[in-house]
Amino acid sequence: MEGDLYRFKKSTYSDNGSGGCVGVALAGGGVRIRDEKDPLGDQLVFGASAWGELLAQLKTMPWPTSIVRKSNQ
C-alpha cells in the first residue's frame, strides 16, 4: 500500500483536541500529506517548489488564535 512506502511524521500542531491529525513525509524530492486517521487513504502530493510556495502562503495568512500554537508549548 502506498501509505506504507513513506515515513510519515505527525505534525506537532495536530491533535490539539480538535481531532485533526496530519502526517507529512518527504518523497522523491517532494512532500506527501495524509490524514493520520486514515493512513491508507488519499494523500496530497507536492513538488518541492509547490510545497515551498504553500508554506510561504500559509505563513502570511491571519490564523484564528484558537489554532495557533502557543510559543510556550
Protein backbone atom coordinates (compact mmCIF):
# COMPACT_ATOMS: atom_id res chain seq x y z
CA MET A 1 0.00 0.00 0.00
CA GLU A 2 1.19 3.48 -0.83
CA GLY A 3 0.81 4.74 2.76
CA ASP A 4 3.37 2.17 3.91
CA LEU A 5 6.09 3.28 1.45
CA TYR A 6 6.92 6.57 3.16
CA ARG A 7 7.94 7.51 6.68
CA PHE A 8 5.25 9.93 7.82
CA LYS A 9 5.82 12.27 10.73
CA LYS A 10 2.81 13.52 12.65
CA SER A 11 2.61 17.29 12.87
CA THR A 12 3.28 18.82 16.29
CA TYR A 13 0.31 21.09 15.58
CA SER A 14 -2.02 18.10 15.25
CA ASP A 15 -4.32 16.59 17.81
CA ASN A 16 -4.94 19.67 19.92
CA GLY A 17 -8.33 18.25 20.87
CA SER A 18 -9.90 19.05 17.50
CA GLY A 19 -9.39 15.55 16.12
CA GLY A 20 -7.25 16.86 13.27
CA CYS A 21 -4.08 14.86 12.70
CA VAL A 22 -1.82 15.48 9.73
CA GLY A 23 1.19 13.41 8.67
CA VAL A 24 3.94 14.64 6.35
CA ALA A 25 6.60 12.60 4.52
CA LEU A 26 9.48 13.52 2.24
CA ALA A 27 9.07 11.68 -1.05
CA GLY A 28 11.14 11.83 -4.23
CA GLY A 29 12.11 15.49 -3.94
CA GLY A 30 8.63 16.49 -2.80
CA VAL A 31 6.25 16.09 0.09
CA ARG A 32 3.22 13.91 0.81
CA ILE A 33 0.49 14.83 3.29
CA ARG A 34 -2.11 12.45 4.70
CA ASP A 35 -4.87 12.32 7.28
CA GLU A 36 -3.44 10.27 10.15
CA LYS A 37 -6.93 8.96 10.99
CA ASP A 38 -6.95 7.29 7.54
CA PRO A 39 -3.29 6.46 6.79
CA LEU A 40 -4.13 4.32 3.75
CA GLY A 41 -6.49 6.90 2.29
CA ASP A 42 -5.79 9.58 -0.29
CA GLN A 43 -2.73 11.81 0.01
CA LEU A 44 -1.81 15.26 -1.21
CA VAL A 45 1.46 15.28 -3.15
CA PHE A 46 3.51 18.44 -3.69
CA GLY A 47 6.71 19.02 -5.63
CA ALA A 48 9.45 20.84 -3.71
CA SER A 49 8.73 24.28 -5.20
CA ALA A 50 4.96 23.96 -4.76
CA TRP A 51 5.47 22.88 -1.13
CA GLY A 52 7.70 25.91 -0.50
CA GLU A 53 5.11 28.21 -2.07
CA LEU A 54 2.33 26.70 0.04
CA LEU A 55 4.32 27.16 3.26
CA ALA A 56 5.13 30.76 2.34
CA GLN A 57 1.44 31.50 1.75
CA LEU A 58 0.38 29.80 4.98
CA LYS A 59 2.87 31.86 6.98
CA THR A 60 1.30 35.10 5.74
CA MET A 61 -2.32 34.11 6.48
CA PRO A 62 -4.12 35.52 9.53
CA TRP A 63 -4.95 32.44 11.63
CA PRO A 64 -7.56 32.35 14.42
CA THR A 65 -5.82 32.27 17.79
CA SER A 66 -7.64 29.05 18.65
CA ILE A 67 -5.49 27.10 16.15
CA VAL A 68 -2.19 28.94 16.51
CA ARG A 69 0.37 27.02 18.55
CA LYS A 70 1.47 28.89 21.65
CA SER A 71 5.20 29.57 21.83
CA ASN A 72 5.48 28.08 25.32
CA GLN A 73 4.11 24.66 24.28
